[in-house]
Each structure stands twice: as structure tokens, then as C-alpha cells.
Amino acid sequence: MSENQGSTTTIRTNHTFWGCNQPLSNVETCSGRMDMGTKQCAHCGIKRGPGDAALTDYGRKIGHLLVIDVNGAEYWQYFE
């Protein structure tokens, strides 16, 4: 679990949305915004993955998805 140090599988109460940051090409990244109940981006169709942003209701970035383990558990790392 050392690679997940400083991360948590518990979603904070103010973490209500996620921002897709998945690559669409060599120069373009998706910027879709979905609620936490949605695990696949409605814009690009890619599942939530490492590097995606943890967002508040107002779109403020409060962290990012660090890793998803083999069982599907998401480890989020928050800035504060």
C-alpha cells in the first residue's frame, strides 16, 4: 500500500464531481465534468481513471484520483 500513501478510498463530503483528464490524442485532453455517481465520462466515454480531478460543486479542484487497485477501489489524494 506504500504507493497509495497519503490517499484514501473515503470520498470527502465536498467531493461531489470529478473532472475527466483522460487523453483524447497526443495534444488534447478531455475536460468533461460528471457527478461522482457516474464512473464513465459522458463526453469521451472513458472510465474514470488515475489523474482525473476531484471537484467541488463549484468546480474547485481539491485533489485527484491517484490509482485504482485490482479490486476497483479508487484511491483519491486530496490537497488539504
PDB file of N, CA and C in Angstrom:
ATOM      1  N   MET A   1       0.823  -1.202   0.000  1.00  0.00           N
ATOM      2  CA  MET A   1       0.000   0.000   0.000  1.00  0.00           C
ATOM      3  C   MET A   1       0.862   1.260   0.000  1.00  0.00           C
ATOM      4  N   SER A   2       2.154   1.151   0.006  1.00  0.00           N
ATOM      5  CA  SER A   2       3.023   2.320   0.089  1.00  0.00           C
ATOM      6  C   SER A   2       2.836   3.282  -1.076  1.00  0.00           C
ATOM      7  N   GLU A   3       2.500   2.761  -2.275  1.00  0.00           N
ATOM      8  CA  GLU A   3       2.292   3.658  -3.416  1.00  0.00           C
ATOM      9  C   GLU A   3       1.030   4.504  -3.253  1.00  0.00           C
ATOM     10  N   ASN A   4       0.158   4.128  -2.315  1.00  0.00           N
ATOM     11  CA  ASN A   4      -1.088   4.857  -2.074  1.00  0.00           C
ATOM     12  C   ASN A   4      -0.990   5.754  -0.846  1.00  0.00           C
ATOM     13  N   GLN A   5       0.204   5.939  -0.321  1.00  0.00           N
ATOM     14  CA  GLN A   5       0.400   6.728   0.882  1.00  0.00           C
ATOM     15  C   GLN A   5      -0.132   8.142   0.684  1.00  0.00           C
ATOM     16  N   GLY A   6      -0.878   8.625   1.683  1.00  0.00           N
ATOM     17  CA  GLY A   6      -1.455   9.957   1.597  1.00  0.00           C
ATOM     18  C   GLY A   6      -2.753   9.995   0.827  1.00  0.00           C
ATOM     19  N   SER A   7      -3.265   8.835   0.470  1.00  0.00           N
ATOM     20  CA  SER A   7      -4.522   8.773  -0.276  1.00  0.00           C
ATOM     21  C   SER A   7      -5.571   8.048   0.560  1.00  0.00           C
ATOM     22  N   THR A   8      -6.812   8.102   0.097  1.00  0.00           N
ATOM     23  CA  THR A   8      -7.915   7.486   0.819  1.00  0.00           C
ATOM     24  C   THR A   8      -8.955   6.950  -0.158  1.00  0.00           C
ATOM     25  N   THR A   9      -9.672   5.939   0.280  1.00  0.00           N
ATOM     26  CA  THR A   9     -10.791   5.431  -0.511  1.00  0.00           C
ATOM     27  C   THR A   9     -12.099   6.076  -0.061  1.00  0.00           C
ATOM     28  N   THR A  10     -12.034   6.890   0.996  1.00  0.00           N
ATOM     29  CA  THR A  10     -13.213   7.594   1.506  1.00  0.00           C
ATOM     30  C   THR A  10     -13.380   8.915   0.761  1.00  0.00           C
ATOM     31  N   ILE A  11     -14.527   9.079   0.120  1.00  0.00           N
ATOM     32  CA  ILE A  11     -14.814  10.306  -0.636  1.00  0.00           C
ATOM     33  C   ILE A  11     -15.244  11.401   0.338  1.00  0.00           C
ATOM     34  N   ARG A  12     -14.602  12.553   0.267  1.00  0.00           N
ATOM     35  CA  ARG A  12     -14.971  13.674   1.137  1.00  0.00           C
ATOM     36  C   ARG A  12     -16.356  14.199   0.780  1.00  0.00           C
ATOM     37  N   THR A  13     -17.025  14.809   1.740  1.00  0.00           N
ATOM     38  CA  THR A  13     -18.384  15.311   1.517  1.00  0.00           C
ATOM     39  C   THR A  13     -18.437  16.424   0.480  1.00  0.00           C
ATOM     40  N   ASN A  14     -17.373  17.217   0.351  1.00  0.00           N
ATOM     41  CA  ASN A  14     -17.368  18.296  -0.643  1.00  0.00           C
ATOM     42  C   ASN A  14     -16.867  17.832  -2.012  1.00  0.00           C
ATOM     43  N   HIS A  15     -16.529  16.566  -2.131  1.00  0.00           N
ATOM     44  CA  HIS A  15     -16.078  15.982  -3.404  1.00  0.00           C
ATOM     45  C   HIS A  15     -17.306  15.406  -4.110  1.00  0.00           C
ATOM     46  N   THR A  16     -17.995  16.259  -4.850  1.00  0.00           N
ATOM     47  CA  THR A  16     -19.273  15.884  -5.462  1.00  0.00           C
ATOM     48  C   THR A  16     -19.189  15.646  -6.962  1.00  0.00           C
ATOM     49  N   PHE A  17     -18.118  16.097  -7.593  1.00  0.00           N
ATOM     50  CA  PHE A  17     -17.930  15.926  -9.034  1.00  0.00           C
ATOM     51  C   PHE A  17     -16.508  15.448  -9.308  1.00  0.00           C
ATOM     52  N   TRP A  18     -16.303  14.964 -10.503  1.00  0.00           N
ATOM     53  CA  TRP A  18     -14.950  14.637 -10.956  1.00  0.00           C
ATOM     54  C   TRP A  18     -14.753  15.192 -12.346  1.00  0.00           C
ATOM     55  N   GLY A  19     -13.523  15.578 -12.627  1.00  0.00           N
ATOM     56  CA  GLY A  19     -13.180  16.132 -13.930  1.00  0.00           C
ATOM     57  C   GLY A  19     -12.337  15.147 -14.709  1.00  0.00           C
ATOM     58  N   CYS A  20     -12.790  14.821 -15.902  1.00  0.00           N
ATOM     59  CA  CYS A  20     -12.062  13.888 -16.758  1.00  0.00           C
ATOM     60  C   CYS A  20     -10.829  14.577 -17.338  1.00  0.00           C
ATOM     61  N   ASN A  21      -9.697  13.951 -17.164  1.00  0.00           N
ATOM     62  CA  ASN A  21      -8.431  14.456 -17.718  1.00  0.00           C
ATOM     63  C   ASN A  21      -7.786  13.415 -18.614  1.00  0.00           C
ATOM     64  N   GLN A  22      -8.597  12.526 -19.170  1.00  0.00           N
ATOM     65  CA  GLN A  22      -8.058  11.441 -19.981  1.00  0.00           C
ATOM     66  C   GLN A  22      -7.627  11.957 -21.352  1.00  0.00           C
ATOM     67  N   PRO A  23      -6.529  11.424 -21.860  1.00  0.00           N
ATOM     68  CA  PRO A  23      -6.025  11.877 -23.165  1.00  0.00           C
ATOM     69  C   PRO A  23      -6.941  11.454 -24.311  1.00  0.00           C
ATOM     70  N   LEU A  24      -7.229  12.389 -25.199  1.00  0.00           N
ATOM     71  CA  LEU A  24      -8.024  12.110 -26.395  1.00  0.00           C
ATOM     72  C   LEU A  24      -7.123  11.934 -27.607  1.00  0.00           C
ATOM     73  N   SER A  25      -5.956  12.550 -27.552  1.00  0.00           N
ATOM     74  CA  SER A  25      -4.950  12.447 -28.616  1.00  0.00           C
ATOM     75  C   SER A  25      -3.614  12.851 -28.004  1.00  0.00           C
ATOM     76  N   ASN A  26      -2.610  12.998 -28.817  1.00  0.00           N
ATOM     77  CA  ASN A  26      -1.299  13.424 -28.317  1.00  0.00           C
ATOM     78  C   ASN A  26      -1.301  14.858 -27.811  1.00  0.00           C
ATOM     79  N   VAL A  27      -2.274  15.658 -28.245  1.00  0.00           N
ATOM     80  CA  VAL A  27      -2.290  17.075 -27.877  1.00  0.00           C
ATOM     81  C   VAL A  27      -3.568  17.513 -27.170  1.00  0.00           C
ATOM     82  N   GLU A  28      -4.541  16.628 -27.049  1.00  0.00           N
ATOM     83  CA  GLU A  28      -5.835  17.024 -26.495  1.00  0.00           C
ATOM     84  C   GLU A  28      -6.220  16.132 -25.320  1.00  0.00           C
ATOM     85  N   THR A  29      -6.793  16.768 -24.287  1.00  0.00           N
ATOM     86  CA  THR A  29      -7.259  16.072 -23.094  1.00  0.00           C
ATOM     87  C   THR A  29      -8.735  16.380 -22.896  1.00  0.00           C
ATOM     88  N   CYS A  30      -9.500  15.378 -22.460  1.00  0.00           N
ATOM     89  CA  CYS A  30     -10.925  15.589 -22.187  1.00  0.00           C
ATOM     90  C   CYS A  30     -11.078  16.539 -21.000  1.00  0.00           C
ATOM     91  N   SER A  31     -12.133  17.302 -20.985  1.00  0.00           N
ATOM     92  CA  SER A  31     -12.397  18.209 -19.867  1.00  0.00           C
ATOM     93  C   SER A  31     -13.829  18.054 -19.374  1.00  0.00           C
ATOM     94  N   GLY A  32     -14.388  16.855 -19.521  1.00  0.00           N
ATOM     95  CA  GLY A  32     -15.749  16.598 -19.057  1.00  0.00           C
ATOM     96  C   GLY A  32     -15.852  16.690 -17.548  1.00  0.00           C
ATOM     97  N   ARG A  33     -17.051  17.010 -17.064  1.00  0.00           N
ATOM     98  CA  ARG A  33     -17.315  17.112 -15.629  1.00  0.00           C
ATOM     99  C   ARG A  33     -18.552  16.291 -15.312  1.00  0.00           C
ATOM    100  N   MET A  34     -18.420  15.314 -14.428  1.00  0.00           N
ATOM    101  CA  MET A  34     -19.514  14.422 -14.067  1.00  0.00           C
ATOM    102  C   MET A  34     -19.693  14.363 -12.558  1.00  0.00           C
ATOM    103  N   ASP A  35     -20.907  13.980 -12.120  1.00  0.00           N
ATOM    104  CA  ASP A  35     -21.122  13.782 -10.690  1.00  0.00           C
ATOM    105  C   ASP A  35     -20.452  12.474 -10.276  1.00  0.00           C
ATOM    106  N   MET A  36     -20.209  12.311  -9.000  1.00  0.00           N
ATOM    107  CA  MET A  36     -19.459  11.159  -8.505  1.00  0.00           C
ATOM    108  C   MET A  36     -20.189   9.831  -8.717  1.00  0.00           C
ATOM    109  N   GLY A  37     -21.482   9.861  -8.935  1.00  0.00           N
ATOM    110  CA  GLY A  37     -22.225   8.637  -9.207  1.00  0.00           C
ATOM    111  C   GLY A  37     -21.984   8.088 -10.600  1.00  0.00           C
ATOM    112  N   THR A  38     -21.378   8.881 -11.453  1.00  0.00           N
ATOM    113  CA  THR A  38     -21.099   8.493 -12.836  1.00  0.00           C
ATOM    114  C   THR A  38     -19.635   8.088 -12.952  1.00  0.00           C
ATOM    115  N   LYS A  39     -19.377   6.861 -13.357  1.00  0.00           N
ATOM    116  CA  LYS A  39     -17.994   6.373 -13.422  1.00  0.00           C
ATOM    117  C   LYS A  39     -17.399   6.412 -14.823  1.00  0.00           C
ATOM    118  N   GLN A  40     -18.206   6.807 -15.808  1.00  0.00           N
ATOM    119  CA  GLN A  40     -17.718   6.891 -17.187  1.00  0.00           C
ATOM    120  C   GLN A  40     -18.024   8.280 -17.720  1.00  0.00           C
ATOM    121  N   CYS A  41     -17.061   8.897 -18.361  1.00  0.00           N
ATOM    122  CA  CYS A  41     -17.219  10.251 -18.880  1.00  0.00           C
ATOM    123  C   CYS A  41     -18.277  10.291 -19.980  1.00  0.00           C
ATOM    124  N   ALA A  42     -19.219  11.202 -19.836  1.00  0.00           N
ATOM    125  CA  ALA A  42     -20.284  11.367 -20.830  1.00  0.00           C
ATOM    126  C   ALA A  42     -19.763  12.032 -22.102  1.00  0.00           C
ATOM    127  N   HIS A  43     -18.607  12.672 -22.029  1.00  0.00           N
ATOM    128  CA  HIS A  43     -18.049  13.384 -23.178  1.00  0.00           C
ATOM    129  C   HIS A  43     -17.170  12.494 -24.058  1.00  0.00           C
ATOM    130  N   CYS A  44     -16.254  11.743 -23.425  1.00  0.00           N
ATOM    131  CA  CYS A  44     -15.315  10.930 -24.215  1.00  0.00           C
ATOM    132  C   CYS A  44     -15.573   9.430 -24.113  1.00  0.00           C
ATOM    133  N   GLY A  45     -16.379   9.018 -23.120  1.00  0.00           N
ATOM    134  CA  GLY A  45     -16.707   7.606 -22.965  1.00  0.00           C
ATOM    135  C   GLY A  45     -15.683   6.782 -22.209  1.00  0.00           C
ATOM    136  N   ILE A  46     -14.611   7.416 -21.728  1.00  0.00           N
ATOM    137  CA  ILE A  46     -13.569   6.700 -20.990  1.00  0.00           C
ATOM    138  C   ILE A  46     -13.959   6.632 -19.516  1.00  0.00           C
ATOM    139  N   LYS A  47     -13.679   5.477 -18.879  1.00  0.00           N
ATOM    140  CA  LYS A  47     -13.961   5.312 -17.454  1.00  0.00           C
ATOM    141  C   LYS A  47     -13.052   6.214 -16.630  1.00  0.00           C
ATOM    142  N   ARG A  48     -13.562   6.613 -15.452  1.00  0.00           N
ATOM    143  CA  ARG A  48     -12.776   7.408 -14.513  1.00  0.00           C
ATOM    144  C   ARG A  48     -11.466   6.680 -14.228  1.00  0.00           C
ATOM    145  N   GLY A  49     -10.357   7.426 -14.242  1.00  0.00           N
ATOM    146  CA  GLY A  49      -9.051   6.802 -14.060  1.00  0.00           C
ATOM    147  C   GLY A  49      -8.049   7.721 -13.395  1.00  0.00           C
ATOM    148  N   PRO A  50      -6.865   7.181 -13.099  1.00  0.00           N
ATOM    149  CA  PRO A  50      -5.814   7.975 -12.462  1.00  0.00           C
ATOM    150  C   PRO A  50      -5.552   9.279 -13.215  1.00  0.00           C
ATOM    151  N   GLY A  51      -5.399  10.342 -12.423  1.00  0.00           N
ATOM    152  CA  GLY A  51      -5.162  11.663 -12.993  1.00  0.00           C
ATOM    153  C   GLY A  51      -6.417  12.510 -13.095  1.00  0.00           C
ATOM    154  N   ASP A  52      -7.590  11.877 -12.981  1.00  0.00           N
ATOM    155  CA  ASP A  52      -8.829  12.653 -13.032  1.00  0.00           C
ATOM    156  C   ASP A  52      -8.964  13.497 -11.765  1.00  0.00           C
ATOM    157  N   ALA A  53      -9.616  14.639 -11.883  1.00  0.00           N
ATOM    158  CA  ALA A  53      -9.680  15.625 -10.809  1.00  0.00           C
ATOM    159  C   ALA A  53     -10.846  15.388  -9.863  1.00  0.00           C
ATOM    160  N   ALA A  54     -10.607  15.650  -8.587  1.00  0.00           N
ATOM    161  CA  ALA A  54     -11.652  15.683  -7.567  1.00  0.00           C
ATOM    162  C   ALA A  54     -12.161  17.123  -7.508  1.00  0.00           C
ATOM    163  N   LEU A  55     -13.466  17.316  -7.738  1.00  0.00           N
ATOM    164  CA  LEU A  55     -14.040  18.663  -7.818  1.00  0.00           C
ATOM    165  C   LEU A  55     -15.166  18.868  -6.809  1.00  0.00           C
ATOM    166  N   THR A  56     -15.350  20.131  -6.398  1.00  0.00           N
ATOM    167  CA  THR A  56     -16.481  20.503  -5.550  1.00  0.00           C
ATOM    168  C   THR A  56     -17.674  20.871  -6.430  1.00  0.00           C
ATOM    169  N   ASP A  57     -18.790  21.216  -5.788  1.00  0.00           N
ATOM    170  CA  ASP A  57     -19.980  21.683  -6.511  1.00  0.00           C
ATOM    171  C   ASP A  57     -19.666  22.862  -7.425  1.00  0.00           C
ATOM    172  N   TYR A  58     -18.705  23.678  -7.010  1.00  0.00           N
ATOM    173  CA  TYR A  58     -18.368  24.897  -7.745  1.00  0.00           C
ATOM    174  C   TYR A  58     -17.231  24.696  -8.747  1.00  0.00           C
ATOM    175  N   GLY A  59     -16.779  23.456  -8.909  1.00  0.00           N
ATOM    176  CA  GLY A  59     -15.728  23.168  -9.874  1.00  0.00           C
ATOM    177  C   GLY A  59     -14.317  23.393  -9.376  1.00  0.00           C
ATOM    178  N   ARG A  60     -14.168  23.648  -8.071  1.00  0.00           N
ATOM    179  CA  ARG A  60     -12.838  23.848  -7.494  1.00  0.00           C
ATOM    180  C   ARG A  60     -12.122  22.506  -7.379  1.00  0.00           C
ATOM    181  N   LYS A  61     -10.896  22.427  -7.863  1.00  0.00           N
ATOM    182  CA  LYS A  61     -10.124  21.190  -7.785  1.00  0.00           C
ATOM    183  C   LYS A  61      -9.560  21.027  -6.378  1.00  0.00           C
ATOM    184  N   ILE A  62      -9.909  19.908  -5.731  1.00  0.00           N
ATOM    185  CA  ILE A  62      -9.468  19.660  -4.362  1.00  0.00           C
ATOM    186  C   ILE A  62      -8.561  18.434  -4.255  1.00  0.00           C
ATOM    187  N   GLY A  63      -8.297  17.789  -5.372  1.00  0.00           N
ATOM    188  CA  GLY A  63      -7.433  16.614  -5.362  1.00  0.00           C
ATOM    189  C   GLY A  63      -7.495  15.898  -6.695  1.00  0.00           C
ATOM    190  N   HIS A  64      -7.024  14.636  -6.682  1.00  0.00           N
ATOM    191  CA  HIS A  64      -7.045  13.846  -7.913  1.00  0.00           C
ATOM    192  C   HIS A  64      -7.091  12.350  -7.585  1.00  0.00           C
ATOM    193  N   LEU A  65      -7.493  11.583  -8.560  1.00  0.00           N
ATOM    194  CA  LEU A  65      -7.524  10.128  -8.429  1.00  0.00           C
ATOM    195  C   LEU A  65      -6.106   9.611  -8.639  1.00  0.00           C
ATOM    196  N   LEU A  66      -5.572   8.988  -7.613  1.00  0.00           N
ATOM    197  CA  LEU A  66      -4.192   8.523  -7.649  1.00  0.00           C
ATOM    198  C   LEU A  66      -4.070   7.173  -8.352  1.00  0.00           C
ATOM    199  N   VAL A  67      -4.901   6.220  -7.958  1.00  0.00           N
ATOM    200  CA  VAL A  67      -4.805   4.863  -8.507  1.00  0.00           C
ATOM    201  C   VAL A  67      -6.121   4.126  -8.278  1.00  0.00           C
ATOM    202  N   ILE A  68      -6.384   3.136  -9.112  1.00  0.00           N
ATOM    203  CA  ILE A  68      -7.494   2.205  -8.906  1.00  0.00           C
ATOM    204  C   ILE A  68      -6.854   0.832  -8.761  1.00  0.00           C
ATOM    205  N   ASP A  69      -7.132   0.144  -7.633  1.00  0.00           N
ATOM    206  CA  ASP A  69      -6.486  -1.150  -7.422  1.00  0.00           C
ATOM    207  C   ASP A  69      -7.183  -2.267  -8.204  1.00  0.00           C
ATOM    208  N   VAL A  70      -6.658  -3.474  -8.123  1.00  0.00           N
ATOM    209  CA  VAL A  70      -7.172  -4.602  -8.912  1.00  0.00           C
ATOM    210  C   VAL A  70      -8.604  -4.974  -8.544  1.00  0.00           C
ATOM    211  N   ASN A  71      -9.059  -4.553  -7.354  1.00  0.00           N
ATOM    212  CA  ASN A  71     -10.432  -4.811  -6.925  1.00  0.00           C
ATOM    213  C   ASN A  71     -11.383  -3.676  -7.291  1.00  0.00           C
ATOM    214  N   GLY A  72     -10.857  -2.627  -7.915  1.00  0.00           N
ATOM    215  CA  GLY A  72     -11.685  -1.499  -8.323  1.00  0.00           C
ATOM    216  C   GLY A  72     -11.786  -0.376  -7.309  1.00  0.00           C
ATOM    217  N   ALA A  73     -11.071  -0.492  -6.178  1.00  0.00           N
ATOM    218  CA  ALA A  73     -11.096   0.574  -5.168  1.00  0.00           C
ATOM    219  C   ALA A  73     -10.326   1.785  -5.694  1.00  0.00           C
ATOM    220  N   GLU A  74     -10.944   2.953  -5.575  1.00  0.00           N
ATOM    221  CA  GLU A  74     -10.332   4.201  -6.035  1.00  0.00           C
ATOM    222  C   GLU A  74      -9.629   4.890  -4.866  1.00  0.00           C
ATOM    223  N   TYR A  75      -8.379   5.237  -5.058  1.00  0.00           N
ATOM    224  CA  TYR A  75      -7.597   5.945  -4.052  1.00  0.00           C
ATOM    225  C   TYR A  75      -7.456   7.395  -4.489  1.00  0.00           C
ATOM    226  N   TRP A  76      -8.110   8.287  -3.731  1.00  0.00           N
ATOM    227  CA  TRP A  76      -8.092   9.716  -4.020  1.00  0.00           C
ATOM    228  C   TRP A  76      -7.089  10.400  -3.110  1.00  0.00           C
ATOM    229  N   GLN A  77      -6.397  11.370  -3.651  1.00  0.00           N
ATOM    230  CA  GLN A  77      -5.458  12.172  -2.883  1.00  0.00           C
ATOM    231  C   GLN A  77      -5.973  13.605  -2.880  1.00  0.00           C
ATOM    232  N   TYR A  78      -6.211  14.129  -1.668  1.00  0.00           N
ATOM    233  CA  TYR A  78      -6.738  15.487  -1.516  1.00  0.00           C
ATOM    234  C   TYR A  78      -5.619  16.445  -1.137  1.00  0.00           C
ATOM    235  N   PHE A  79      -5.747  17.702  -1.571  1.00  0.00           N
ATOM    236  CA  PHE A  79      -4.717  18.705  -1.336  1.00  0.00           C
ATOM    237  C   PHE A  79      -4.685  19.203   0.103  1.00  0.00           C
ATOM    238  N   GLU A  80      -5.822  19.215   0.778  1.00  0.00           N
ATOM    239  CA  GLU A  80      -5.887  19.781   2.130  1.00  0.00           C
ATOM    240  C   GLU A  80      -6.227  18.714   3.122  1.00  0.00           C
TER     241      GLU A  80
END
